[in-house]
Amino acid sequence: MKFCPRCGSIMSIDRVRKVLKCPRCGYEEAASGASLVLSTTIVHTEKEKIAVVEKSAGVPPNATLLRGHVTCPKCGHNEVYAWQMQTRAADEPPTTFYKCAKCGYMWREY
């Protein structure tokens, strides 16, 4: 990533002319081989973010043990750990995660 020396904006690559160009002020400079290395940004979907939480071995330190309020849908045990995480946009409610204290089954509610 290269920044414009005039205005500080991120320079974009013109692959045809092999130059770096500032979209804000129009400044151009010849692109060297090192500056043409392209990288990609990985944006994870909500399912991928939740999969990371589900695959984690333990229960987060902020989890609360609930007795008698929630029942495990897999084994019917009535003691589960519960915690909340913001998995969507900030203006949407958080996702509540549950993990059974007996069988370890995890599920979530939006």
PDB file of N, CA and C in Angstrom:
ATOM      1  N   MET A   1       0.854  -1.160   0.000  1.00  0.00           N
ATOM      2  CA  MET A   1       0.000   0.000   0.000  1.00  0.00           C
ATOM      3  C   MET A   1       0.904   1.228   0.000  1.00  0.00           C
ATOM      4  N   LYS A   2       0.586   2.147  -0.845  1.00  0.00           N
ATOM      5  CA  LYS A   2       1.386   3.368  -0.971  1.00  0.00           C
ATOM      6  C   LYS A   2       0.458   4.560  -0.809  1.00  0.00           C
ATOM      7  N   PHE A   3       0.948   5.565  -0.093  1.00  0.00           N
ATOM      8  CA  PHE A   3       0.158   6.761   0.139  1.00  0.00           C
ATOM      9  C   PHE A   3       0.693   7.913  -0.703  1.00  0.00           C
ATOM     10  N   CYS A   4      -0.212   8.768  -1.129  1.00  0.00           N
ATOM     11  CA  CYS A   4       0.149   9.928  -1.946  1.00  0.00           C
ATOM     12  C   CYS A   4       1.013  10.886  -1.128  1.00  0.00           C
ATOM     13  N   PRO A   5       2.165  11.327  -1.676  1.00  0.00           N
ATOM     14  CA  PRO A   5       3.015  12.265  -0.937  1.00  0.00           C
ATOM     15  C   PRO A   5       2.410  13.671  -0.846  1.00  0.00           C
ATOM     16  N   ARG A   6       1.439  13.981  -1.701  1.00  0.00           N
ATOM     17  CA  ARG A   6       0.817  15.308  -1.669  1.00  0.00           C
ATOM     18  C   ARG A   6      -0.327  15.403  -0.674  1.00  0.00           C
ATOM     19  N   CYS A   7      -1.297  14.443  -0.770  1.00  0.00           N
ATOM     20  CA  CYS A   7      -2.514  14.586   0.037  1.00  0.00           C
ATOM     21  C   CYS A   7      -2.709  13.457   1.050  1.00  0.00           C
ATOM     22  N   GLY A   8      -1.929  12.375   0.959  1.00  0.00           N
ATOM     23  CA  GLY A   8      -2.027  11.302   1.936  1.00  0.00           C
ATOM     24  C   GLY A   8      -3.044  10.223   1.625  1.00  0.00           C
ATOM     25  N   SER A   9      -3.723  10.296   0.491  1.00  0.00           N
ATOM     26  CA  SER A   9      -4.694   9.270   0.111  1.00  0.00           C
ATOM     27  C   SER A   9      -3.979   7.998  -0.332  1.00  0.00           C
ATOM     28  N   ILE A  10      -4.686   6.894  -0.325  1.00  0.00           N
ATOM     29  CA  ILE A  10      -4.122   5.630  -0.795  1.00  0.00           C
ATOM     30  C   ILE A  10      -4.054   5.671  -2.318  1.00  0.00           C
ATOM     31  N   MET A  11      -2.885   5.353  -2.852  1.00  0.00           N
ATOM     32  CA  MET A  11      -2.680   5.350  -4.300  1.00  0.00           C
ATOM     33  C   MET A  11      -3.291   4.083  -4.892  1.00  0.00           C
ATOM     34  N   SER A  12      -3.852   4.199  -6.084  1.00  0.00           N
ATOM     35  CA  SER A  12      -4.399   3.028  -6.773  1.00  0.00           C
ATOM     36  C   SER A  12      -3.483   2.687  -7.949  1.00  0.00           C
ATOM     37  N   ILE A  13      -3.574   1.438  -8.390  1.00  0.00           N
ATOM     38  CA  ILE A  13      -2.701   0.957  -9.461  1.00  0.00           C
ATOM     39  C   ILE A  13      -3.430   1.020 -10.797  1.00  0.00           C
ATOM     40  N   ASP A  14      -2.786   1.662 -11.771  1.00  0.00           N
ATOM     41  CA  ASP A  14      -3.267   1.627 -13.147  1.00  0.00           C
ATOM     42  C   ASP A  14      -2.423   0.560 -13.832  1.00  0.00           C
ATOM     43  N   ARG A  15      -2.969  -0.640 -13.988  1.00  0.00           N
ATOM     44  CA  ARG A  15      -2.205  -1.775 -14.504  1.00  0.00           C
ATOM     45  C   ARG A  15      -1.838  -1.628 -15.974  1.00  0.00           C
ATOM     46  N   VAL A  16      -2.656  -0.906 -16.727  1.00  0.00           N
ATOM     47  CA  VAL A  16      -2.385  -0.733 -18.152  1.00  0.00           C
ATOM     48  C   VAL A  16      -1.154   0.140 -18.347  1.00  0.00           C
ATOM     49  N   ARG A  17      -1.125   1.288 -17.675  1.00  0.00           N
ATOM     50  CA  ARG A  17      -0.011   2.228 -17.817  1.00  0.00           C
ATOM     51  C   ARG A  17       1.112   1.952 -16.826  1.00  0.00           C
ATOM     52  N   LYS A  18       0.900   1.034 -15.887  1.00  0.00           N
ATOM     53  CA  LYS A  18       1.874   0.661 -14.858  1.00  0.00           C
ATOM     54  C   LYS A  18       2.356   1.874 -14.070  1.00  0.00           C
ATOM     55  N   VAL A  19       1.370   2.606 -13.547  1.00  0.00           N
ATOM     56  CA  VAL A  19       1.657   3.749 -12.685  1.00  0.00           C
ATOM     57  C   VAL A  19       0.764   3.673 -11.452  1.00  0.00           C
ATOM     58  N   LEU A  20       1.211   4.349 -10.401  1.00  0.00           N
ATOM     59  CA  LEU A  20       0.384   4.535  -9.216  1.00  0.00           C
ATOM     60  C   LEU A  20      -0.251   5.909  -9.326  1.00  0.00           C
ATOM     61  N   LYS A  21      -1.572   5.984  -9.097  1.00  0.00           N
ATOM     62  CA  LYS A  21      -2.266   7.245  -9.267  1.00  0.00           C
ATOM     63  C   LYS A  21      -3.111   7.537  -8.036  1.00  0.00           C
ATOM     64  N   CYS A  22      -3.084   8.791  -7.599  1.00  0.00           N
ATOM     65  CA  CYS A  22      -3.895   9.218  -6.468  1.00  0.00           C
ATOM     66  C   CYS A  22      -5.290   9.568  -6.971  1.00  0.00           C
ATOM     67  N   PRO A  23      -6.337   8.930  -6.429  1.00  0.00           N
ATOM     68  CA  PRO A  23      -7.692   9.233  -6.886  1.00  0.00           C
ATOM     69  C   PRO A  23      -8.185  10.609  -6.444  1.00  0.00           C
ATOM     70  N   ARG A  24      -7.564  11.185  -5.422  1.00  0.00           N
ATOM     71  CA  ARG A  24      -8.019  12.474  -4.909  1.00  0.00           C
ATOM     72  C   ARG A  24      -7.398  13.651  -5.661  1.00  0.00           C
ATOM     73  N   CYS A  25      -6.050  13.692  -5.741  1.00  0.00           N
ATOM     74  CA  CYS A  25      -5.403  14.863  -6.331  1.00  0.00           C
ATOM     75  C   CYS A  25      -4.826  14.607  -7.716  1.00  0.00           C
ATOM     76  N   GLY A  26      -4.776  13.335  -8.164  1.00  0.00           N
ATOM     77  CA  GLY A  26      -4.292  13.029  -9.498  1.00  0.00           C
ATOM     78  C   GLY A  26      -2.797  12.812  -9.609  1.00  0.00           C
ATOM     79  N   TYR A  27      -2.072  12.890  -8.511  1.00  0.00           N
ATOM     80  CA  TYR A  27      -0.627  12.663  -8.529  1.00  0.00           C
ATOM     81  C   TYR A  27      -0.337  11.274  -9.081  1.00  0.00           C
ATOM     82  N   GLU A  28       0.696  11.169  -9.945  1.00  0.00           N
ATOM     83  CA  GLU A  28       1.098   9.895 -10.527  1.00  0.00           C
ATOM     84  C   GLU A  28       2.575   9.661 -10.316  1.00  0.00           C
ATOM     85  N   GLU A  29       2.937   8.395 -10.163  1.00  0.00           N
ATOM     86  CA  GLU A  29       4.351   8.032 -10.123  1.00  0.00           C
ATOM     87  C   GLU A  29       4.509   6.651 -10.728  1.00  0.00           C
ATOM     88  N   ALA A  30       5.673   6.412 -11.306  1.00  0.00           N
ATOM     89  CA  ALA A  30       5.938   5.121 -11.941  1.00  0.00           C
ATOM     90  C   ALA A  30       5.885   4.023 -10.881  1.00  0.00           C
ATOM     91  N   ALA A  31       5.282   2.914 -11.253  1.00  0.00           N
ATOM     92  CA  ALA A  31       5.148   1.797 -10.328  1.00  0.00           C
ATOM     93  C   ALA A  31       6.340   0.872 -10.488  1.00  0.00           C
ATOM     94  N   SER A  32       6.995   0.602  -9.371  1.00  0.00           N
ATOM     95  CA  SER A  32       8.091  -0.365  -9.414  1.00  0.00           C
ATOM     96  C   SER A  32       7.503  -1.761  -9.253  1.00  0.00           C
ATOM     97  N   GLY A  33       8.304  -2.787  -9.487  1.00  0.00           N
ATOM     98  CA  GLY A  33       7.829  -4.161  -9.359  1.00  0.00           C
ATOM     99  C   GLY A  33       7.311  -4.463  -7.967  1.00  0.00           C
ATOM    100  N   ALA A  34       7.951  -3.881  -6.952  1.00  0.00           N
ATOM    101  CA  ALA A  34       7.528  -4.138  -5.568  1.00  0.00           C
ATOM    102  C   ALA A  34       6.189  -3.491  -5.265  1.00  0.00           C
ATOM    103  N   SER A  35       5.890  -2.372  -5.892  1.00  0.00           N
ATOM    104  CA  SER A  35       4.637  -1.685  -5.587  1.00  0.00           C
ATOM    105  C   SER A  35       3.448  -2.288  -6.329  1.00  0.00           C
ATOM    106  N   LEU A  36       3.695  -3.200  -7.269  1.00  0.00           N
ATOM    107  CA  LEU A  36       2.601  -3.833  -7.995  1.00  0.00           C
ATOM    108  C   LEU A  36       2.146  -5.156  -7.378  1.00  0.00           C
ATOM    109  N   VAL A  37       2.699  -5.508  -6.238  1.00  0.00           N
ATOM    110  CA  VAL A  37       2.269  -6.731  -5.567  1.00  0.00           C
ATOM    111  C   VAL A  37       0.868  -6.498  -5.026  1.00  0.00           C
ATOM    112  N   LEU A  38      -0.041  -7.343  -5.433  1.00  0.00           N
ATOM    113  CA  LEU A  38      -1.429  -7.187  -5.010  1.00  0.00           C
ATOM    114  C   LEU A  38      -1.720  -8.104  -3.836  1.00  0.00           C
ATOM    115  N   SER A  39      -2.520  -7.630  -2.926  1.00  0.00           N
ATOM    116  CA  SER A  39      -2.952  -8.458  -1.812  1.00  0.00           C
ATOM    117  C   SER A  39      -4.471  -8.410  -1.750  1.00  0.00           C
ATOM    118  N   THR A  40      -5.034  -9.385  -1.077  1.00  0.00           N
ATOM    119  CA  THR A  40      -6.482  -9.425  -0.942  1.00  0.00           C
ATOM    120  C   THR A  40      -6.860  -9.316   0.514  1.00  0.00           C
ATOM    121  N   THR A  41      -8.008  -8.757   0.752  1.00  0.00           N
ATOM    122  CA  THR A  41      -8.550  -8.669   2.096  1.00  0.00           C
ATOM    123  C   THR A  41      -9.590  -9.757   2.248  1.00  0.00           C
ATOM    124  N   ILE A  42      -9.504 -10.491   3.322  1.00  0.00           N
ATOM    125  CA  ILE A  42     -10.467 -11.553   3.572  1.00  0.00           C
ATOM    126  C   ILE A  42     -11.558 -11.010   4.481  1.00  0.00           C
ATOM    127  N   VAL A  43     -12.779 -11.067   4.002  1.00  0.00           N
ATOM    128  CA  VAL A  43     -13.928 -10.643   4.792  1.00  0.00           C
ATOM    129  C   VAL A  43     -14.701 -11.895   5.165  1.00  0.00           C
ATOM    130  N   HIS A  44     -14.819 -12.154   6.451  1.00  0.00           N
ATOM    131  CA  HIS A  44     -15.488 -13.358   6.919  1.00  0.00           C
ATOM    132  C   HIS A  44     -16.993 -13.135   7.016  1.00  0.00           C
ATOM    133  N   THR A  45     -17.738 -14.169   6.643  1.00  0.00           N
ATOM    134  CA  THR A  45     -19.190 -14.103   6.766  1.00  0.00           C
ATOM    135  C   THR A  45     -19.579 -14.369   8.211  1.00  0.00           C
ATOM    136  N   GLU A  46     -20.831 -14.109   8.522  1.00  0.00           N
ATOM    137  CA  GLU A  46     -21.320 -14.350   9.879  1.00  0.00           C
ATOM    138  C   GLU A  46     -21.203 -15.825  10.247  1.00  0.00           C
ATOM    139  N   LYS A  47     -21.473 -16.726   9.295  1.00  0.00           N
ATOM    140  CA  LYS A  47     -21.373 -18.159   9.568  1.00  0.00           C
ATOM    141  C   LYS A  47     -19.943 -18.545   9.925  1.00  0.00           C
ATOM    142  N   GLU A  48     -18.964 -17.959   9.248  1.00  0.00           N
ATOM    143  CA  GLU A  48     -17.568 -18.258   9.543  1.00  0.00           C
ATOM    144  C   GLU A  48     -17.179 -17.757  10.929  1.00  0.00           C
ATOM    145  N   LYS A  49     -17.669 -16.562  11.304  1.00  0.00           N
ATOM    146  CA  LYS A  49     -17.369 -16.021  12.628  1.00  0.00           C
ATOM    147  C   LYS A  49     -17.963 -16.911  13.715  1.00  0.00           C
ATOM    148  N   ILE A  50     -19.181 -17.372  13.499  1.00  0.00           N
ATOM    149  CA  ILE A  50     -19.846 -18.225  14.485  1.00  0.00           C
ATOM    150  C   ILE A  50     -19.156 -19.577  14.563  1.00  0.00           C
ATOM    151  N   ALA A  51     -18.679 -20.090  13.434  1.00  0.00           N
ATOM    152  CA  ALA A  51     -17.983 -21.380  13.430  1.00  0.00           C
ATOM    153  C   ALA A  51     -16.733 -21.323  14.295  1.00  0.00           C
ATOM    154  N   VAL A  52     -16.055 -20.194  14.305  1.00  0.00           N
ATOM    155  CA  VAL A  52     -14.867 -20.044  15.142  1.00  0.00           C
ATOM    156  C   VAL A  52     -15.258 -20.133  16.613  1.00  0.00           C
ATOM    157  N   VAL A  53     -16.362 -19.488  16.974  1.00  0.00           N
ATOM    158  CA  VAL A  53     -16.825 -19.532  18.359  1.00  0.00           C
ATOM    159  C   VAL A  53     -17.239 -20.946  18.733  1.00  0.00           C
ATOM    160  N   GLU A  54     -17.952 -21.639  17.830  1.00  0.00           N
ATOM    161  CA  GLU A  54     -18.433 -22.981  18.121  1.00  0.00           C
ATOM    162  C   GLU A  54     -17.297 -23.985  18.247  1.00  0.00           C
ATOM    163  N   LYS A  55     -16.203 -23.771  17.528  1.00  0.00           N
ATOM    164  CA  LYS A  55     -15.087 -24.706  17.565  1.00  0.00           C
ATOM    165  C   LYS A  55     -14.172 -24.476  18.756  1.00  0.00           C
ATOM    166  N   SER A  56     -14.346 -23.345  19.446  1.00  0.00           N
ATOM    167  CA  SER A  56     -13.483 -23.093  20.588  1.00  0.00           C
ATOM    168  C   SER A  56     -13.769 -24.117  21.688  1.00  0.00           C
ATOM    169  N   ALA A  57     -12.717 -24.590  22.317  1.00  0.00           N
ATOM    170  CA  ALA A  57     -12.844 -25.688  23.273  1.00  0.00           C
ATOM    171  C   ALA A  57     -13.537 -25.274  24.561  1.00  0.00           C
ATOM    172  N   GLY A  58     -13.233 -24.135  25.085  1.00  0.00           N
ATOM    173  CA  GLY A  58     -13.756 -23.741  26.380  1.00  0.00           C
ATOM    174  C   GLY A  58     -14.915 -22.778  26.288  1.00  0.00           C
ATOM    175  N   VAL A  59     -15.330 -22.373  27.460  1.00  0.00           N
ATOM    176  CA  VAL A  59     -16.399 -21.393  27.587  1.00  0.00           C
ATOM    177  C   VAL A  59     -15.730 -20.058  27.901  1.00  0.00           C
ATOM    178  N   PRO A  60     -16.174 -18.950  27.298  1.00  0.00           N
ATOM    179  CA  PRO A  60     -15.550 -17.657  27.578  1.00  0.00           C
ATOM    180  C   PRO A  60     -15.664 -17.287  29.057  1.00  0.00           C
ATOM    181  N   PRO A  61     -14.757 -16.465  29.548  1.00  0.00           N
ATOM    182  CA  PRO A  61     -14.787 -16.099  30.969  1.00  0.00           C
ATOM    183  C   PRO A  61     -16.032 -15.315  31.372  1.00  0.00           C
ATOM    184  N   ASN A  62     -16.703 -14.680  30.418  1.00  0.00           N
ATOM    185  CA  ASN A  62     -17.903 -13.917  30.756  1.00  0.00           C
ATOM    186  C   ASN A  62     -19.179 -14.763  30.714  1.00  0.00           C
ATOM    187  N   ALA A  63     -19.052 -16.081  30.517  1.00  0.00           N
ATOM    188  CA  ALA A  63     -20.224 -16.964  30.456  1.00  0.00           C
ATOM    189  C   ALA A  63     -20.832 -17.138  31.846  1.00  0.00           C
ATOM    190  N   THR A  64     -22.154 -17.286  31.867  1.00  0.00           N
ATOM    191  CA  THR A  64     -22.896 -17.479  33.102  1.00  0.00           C
ATOM    192  C   THR A  64     -23.525 -18.863  33.093  1.00  0.00           C
ATOM    193  N   LEU A  65     -23.461 -19.568  34.213  1.00  0.00           N
ATOM    194  CA  LEU A  65     -24.099 -20.875  34.322  1.00  0.00           C
ATOM    195  C   LEU A  65     -25.565 -20.670  34.694  1.00  0.00           C
ATOM    196  N   LEU A  66     -26.461 -21.118  33.820  1.00  0.00           N
ATOM    197  CA  LEU A  66     -27.905 -21.005  34.055  1.00  0.00           C
ATOM    198  C   LEU A  66     -28.440 -22.370  34.466  1.00  0.00           C
ATOM    199  N   ARG A  67     -29.190 -22.406  35.551  1.00  0.00           N
ATOM    200  CA  ARG A  67     -29.783 -23.658  36.032  1.00  0.00           C
ATOM    201  C   ARG A  67     -31.297 -23.534  35.994  1.00  0.00           C
ATOM    202  N   GLY A  68     -31.934 -24.409  35.226  1.00  0.00           N
ATOM    203  CA  GLY A  68     -33.389 -24.454  35.184  1.00  0.00           C
ATOM    204  C   GLY A  68     -34.057 -23.486  34.240  1.00  0.00           C
ATOM    205  N   HIS A  69     -33.316 -22.586  33.622  1.00  0.00           N
ATOM    206  CA  HIS A  69     -33.924 -21.595  32.721  1.00  0.00           C
ATOM    207  C   HIS A  69     -33.918 -22.054  31.268  1.00  0.00           C
ATOM    208  N   VAL A  70     -32.864 -22.764  30.867  1.00  0.00           N
ATOM    209  CA  VAL A  70     -32.714 -23.210  29.492  1.00  0.00           C
ATOM    210  C   VAL A  70     -32.392 -24.700  29.514  1.00  0.00           C
ATOM    211  N   THR A  71     -32.977 -25.439  28.575  1.00  0.00           N
ATOM    212  CA  THR A  71     -32.751 -26.873  28.485  1.00  0.00           C
ATOM    213  C   THR A  71     -31.974 -27.188  27.210  1.00  0.00           C
ATOM    214  N   CYS A  72     -30.999 -28.074  27.320  1.00  0.00           N
ATOM    215  CA  CYS A  72     -30.215 -28.490  26.163  1.00  0.00           C
ATOM    216  C   CYS A  72     -31.110 -29.257  25.199  1.00  0.00           C
ATOM    217  N   PRO A  73     -31.171 -28.850  23.921  1.00  0.00           N
ATOM    218  CA  PRO A  73     -32.021 -29.551  22.963  1.00  0.00           C
ATOM    219  C   PRO A  73     -31.501 -30.938  22.599  1.00  0.00           C
ATOM    220  N   LYS A  74     -30.255 -31.222  22.894  1.00  0.00           N
ATOM    221  CA  LYS A  74     -29.677 -32.516  22.536  1.00  0.00           C
ATOM    222  C   LYS A  74     -29.872 -33.572  23.628  1.00  0.00           C
ATOM    223  N   CYS A  75     -29.547 -33.225  24.886  1.00  0.00           N
ATOM    224  CA  CYS A  75     -29.608 -34.228  25.959  1.00  0.00           C
ATOM    225  C   CYS A  75     -30.661 -33.931  27.014  1.00  0.00           C
ATOM    226  N   GLY A  76     -31.279 -32.750  26.995  1.00  0.00           N
ATOM    227  CA  GLY A  76     -32.334 -32.413  27.955  1.00  0.00           C
ATOM    228  C   GLY A  76     -31.837 -31.918  29.296  1.00  0.00           C
ATOM    229  N   HIS A  77     -30.530 -31.766  29.465  1.00  0.00           N
ATOM    230  CA  HIS A  77     -29.961 -31.278  30.728  1.00  0.00           C
ATOM    231  C   HIS A  77     -30.358 -29.817  30.922  1.00  0.00           C
ATOM    232  N   ASN A  78     -30.610 -29.407  32.182  1.00  0.00           N
ATOM    233  CA  ASN A  78     -31.094 -28.038  32.407  1.00  0.00           C
ATOM    234  C   ASN A  78     -30.023 -27.102  32.981  1.00  0.00           C
ATOM    235  N   GLU A  79     -28.742 -27.446  32.854  1.00  0.00           N
ATOM    236  CA  GLU A  79     -27.666 -26.539  33.238  1.00  0.00           C
ATOM    237  C   GLU A  79     -26.840 -26.211  31.996  1.00  0.00           C
ATOM    238  N   VAL A  80     -26.843 -24.952  31.612  1.00  0.00           N
ATOM    239  CA  VAL A  80     -26.105 -24.518  30.428  1.00  0.00           C
ATOM    240  C   VAL A  80     -25.335 -23.239  30.738  1.00  0.00           C
ATOM    241  N   TYR A  81     -24.226 -23.063  30.029  1.00  0.00           N
ATOM    242  CA  TYR A  81     -23.492 -21.806  30.081  1.00  0.00           C
ATOM    243  C   TYR A  81     -24.060 -20.906  29.000  1.00  0.00           C
ATOM    244  N   ALA A  82     -24.171 -19.616  29.298  1.00  0.00           N
ATOM    245  CA  ALA A  82     -24.708 -18.660  28.322  1.00  0.00           C
ATOM    246  C   ALA A  82     -23.815 -17.425  28.277  1.00  0.00           C
ATOM    247  N   TRP A  83     -23.632 -16.888  27.065  1.00  0.00           N
ATOM    248  CA  TRP A  83     -22.909 -15.636  26.877  1.00  0.00           C
ATOM    249  C   TRP A  83     -23.400 -14.988  25.600  1.00  0.00           C
ATOM    250  N   GLN A  84     -23.130 -13.690  25.469  1.00  0.00           N
ATOM    251  CA  GLN A  84     -23.573 -12.936  24.303  1.00  0.00           C
ATOM    252  C   GLN A  84     -22.384 -12.343  23.570  1.00  0.00           C
ATOM    253  N   MET A  85     -22.525 -12.294  22.235  1.00  0.00           N
ATOM    254  CA  MET A  85     -21.517 -11.669  21.382  1.00  0.00           C
ATOM    255  C   MET A  85     -22.222 -10.852  20.302  1.00  0.00           C
ATOM    256  N   GLN A  86     -21.594  -9.767  19.898  1.00  0.00           N
ATOM    257  CA  GLN A  86     -22.115  -8.944  18.819  1.00  0.00           C
ATOM    258  C   GLN A  86     -21.591  -9.516  17.512  1.00  0.00           C
ATOM    259  N   THR A  87     -22.402 -10.307  16.806  1.00  0.00           N
ATOM    260  CA  THR A  87     -21.955 -10.949  15.566  1.00  0.00           C
ATOM    261  C   THR A  87     -22.477 -10.235  14.325  1.00  0.00           C
ATOM    262  N   ARG A  88     -23.381  -9.320  14.499  1.00  0.00           N
ATOM    263  CA  ARG A  88     -23.939  -8.568  13.367  1.00  0.00           C
ATOM    264  C   ARG A  88     -23.592  -7.101  13.524  1.00  0.00           C
ATOM    265  N   ALA A  89     -24.305  -6.248  12.821  1.00  0.00           N
ATOM    266  CA  ALA A  89     -24.068  -4.813  12.902  1.00  0.00           C
ATOM    267  C   ALA A  89     -24.381  -4.309  14.308  1.00  0.00           C
ATOM    268  N   ALA A  90     -23.802  -3.183  14.660  1.00  0.00           N
ATOM    269  CA  ALA A  90     -23.955  -2.644  16.008  1.00  0.00           C
ATOM    270  C   ALA A  90     -25.396  -2.263  16.337  1.00  0.00           C
ATOM    271  N   ASP A  91     -26.204  -1.965  15.313  1.00  0.00           N
ATOM    272  CA  ASP A  91     -27.583  -1.567  15.580  1.00  0.00           C
ATOM    273  C   ASP A  91     -28.529  -2.765  15.698  1.00  0.00           C
ATOM    274  N   GLU A  92     -28.006  -3.985  15.621  1.00  0.00           N
ATOM    275  CA  GLU A  92     -28.820  -5.186  15.770  1.00  0.00           C
ATOM    276  C   GLU A  92     -28.516  -5.840  17.108  1.00  0.00           C
ATOM    277  N   PRO A  93     -29.454  -6.622  17.637  1.00  0.00           N
ATOM    278  CA  PRO A  93     -29.222  -7.226  18.956  1.00  0.00           C
ATOM    279  C   PRO A  93     -28.102  -8.256  18.913  1.00  0.00           C
ATOM    280  N   PRO A  94     -27.456  -8.505  20.070  1.00  0.00           N
ATOM    281  CA  PRO A  94     -26.376  -9.488  20.103  1.00  0.00           C
ATOM    282  C   PRO A  94     -26.905 -10.916  19.988  1.00  0.00           C
ATOM    283  N   THR A  95     -26.020 -11.843  19.641  1.00  0.00           N
ATOM    284  CA  THR A  95     -26.345 -13.258  19.545  1.00  0.00           C
ATOM    285  C   THR A  95     -26.045 -13.902  20.894  1.00  0.00           C
ATOM    286  N   THR A  96     -26.982 -14.709  21.411  1.00  0.00           N
ATOM    287  CA  THR A  96     -26.765 -15.432  22.656  1.00  0.00           C
ATOM    288  C   THR A  96     -26.310 -16.843  22.329  1.00  0.00           C
ATOM    289  N   PHE A  97     -25.186 -17.252  22.894  1.00  0.00           N
ATOM    290  CA  PHE A  97     -24.648 -18.588  22.708  1.00  0.00           C
ATOM    291  C   PHE A  97     -24.894 -19.398  23.973  1.00  0.00           C
ATOM    292  N   TYR A  98     -25.170 -20.691  23.795  1.00  0.00           N
ATOM    293  CA  TYR A  98     -25.376 -21.604  24.915  1.00  0.00           C
ATOM    294  C   TYR A  98     -24.468 -22.820  24.739  1.00  0.00           C
ATOM    295  N   LYS A  99     -23.969 -23.350  25.854  1.00  0.00           N
ATOM    296  CA  LYS A  99     -23.196 -24.583  25.835  1.00  0.00           C
ATOM    297  C   LYS A  99     -23.653 -25.438  27.007  1.00  0.00           C
ATOM    298  N   CYS A 100     -24.065 -26.665  26.704  1.00  0.00           N
ATOM    299  CA  CYS A 100     -24.554 -27.578  27.732  1.00  0.00           C
ATOM    300  C   CYS A 100     -23.410 -27.958  28.673  1.00  0.00           C
ATOM    301  N   ALA A 101     -23.678 -27.902  29.972  1.00  0.00           N
ATOM    302  CA  ALA A 101     -22.669 -28.255  30.968  1.00  0.00           C
ATOM    303  C   ALA A 101     -22.438 -29.760  31.022  1.00  0.00           C
ATOM    304  N   LYS A 102     -23.386 -30.551  30.523  1.00  0.00           N
ATOM    305  CA  LYS A 102     -23.256 -32.009  30.582  1.00  0.00           C
ATOM    306  C   LYS A 102     -22.616 -32.590  29.317  1.00  0.00           C
ATOM    307  N   CYS A 103     -23.216 -32.326  28.151  1.00  0.00           N
ATOM    308  CA  CYS A 103     -22.741 -32.958  26.911  1.00  0.00           C
ATOM    309  C   CYS A 103     -21.859 -32.055  26.056  1.00  0.00           C
ATOM    310  N   GLY A 104     -21.811 -30.757  26.348  1.00  0.00           N
ATOM    311  CA  GLY A 104     -20.960 -29.837  25.597  1.00  0.00           C
ATOM    312  C   GLY A 104     -21.563 -29.321  24.303  1.00  0.00           C
ATOM    313  N   TYR A 105     -22.823 -29.666  24.012  1.00  0.00           N
ATOM    314  CA  TYR A 105     -23.485 -29.204  22.788  1.00  0.00           C
ATOM    315  C   TYR A 105     -23.631 -27.683  22.832  1.00  0.00           C
ATOM    316  N   MET A 106     -23.336 -27.026  21.689  1.00  0.00           N
ATOM    317  CA  MET A 106     -23.471 -25.568  21.598  1.00  0.00           C
ATOM    318  C   MET A 106     -24.532 -25.193  20.588  1.00  0.00           C
ATOM    319  N   TRP A 107     -25.295 -24.145  20.895  1.00  0.00           N
ATOM    320  CA  TRP A 107     -26.256 -23.591  19.973  1.00  0.00           C
ATOM    321  C   TRP A 107     -26.380 -22.100  20.239  1.00  0.00           C
ATOM    322  N   ARG A 108     -27.102 -21.419  19.388  1.00  0.00           N
ATOM    323  CA  ARG A 108     -27.219 -19.955  19.515  1.00  0.00           C
ATOM    324  C   ARG A 108     -28.651 -19.522  19.243  1.00  0.00           C
ATOM    325  N   GLU A 109     -28.960 -18.337  19.734  1.00  0.00           N
ATOM    326  CA  GLU A 109     -30.248 -17.691  19.474  1.00  0.00           C
ATOM    327  C   GLU A 109     -29.967 -16.253  19.092  1.00  0.00           C
ATOM    328  N   TYR A 110     -30.687 -15.766  18.096  1.00  0.00           N
ATOM    329  CA  TYR A 110     -30.488 -14.392  17.639  1.00  0.00           C
ATOM    330  C   TYR A 110     -31.408 -13.450  18.377  1.00  0.00           C
TER     331      TYR A 110
END
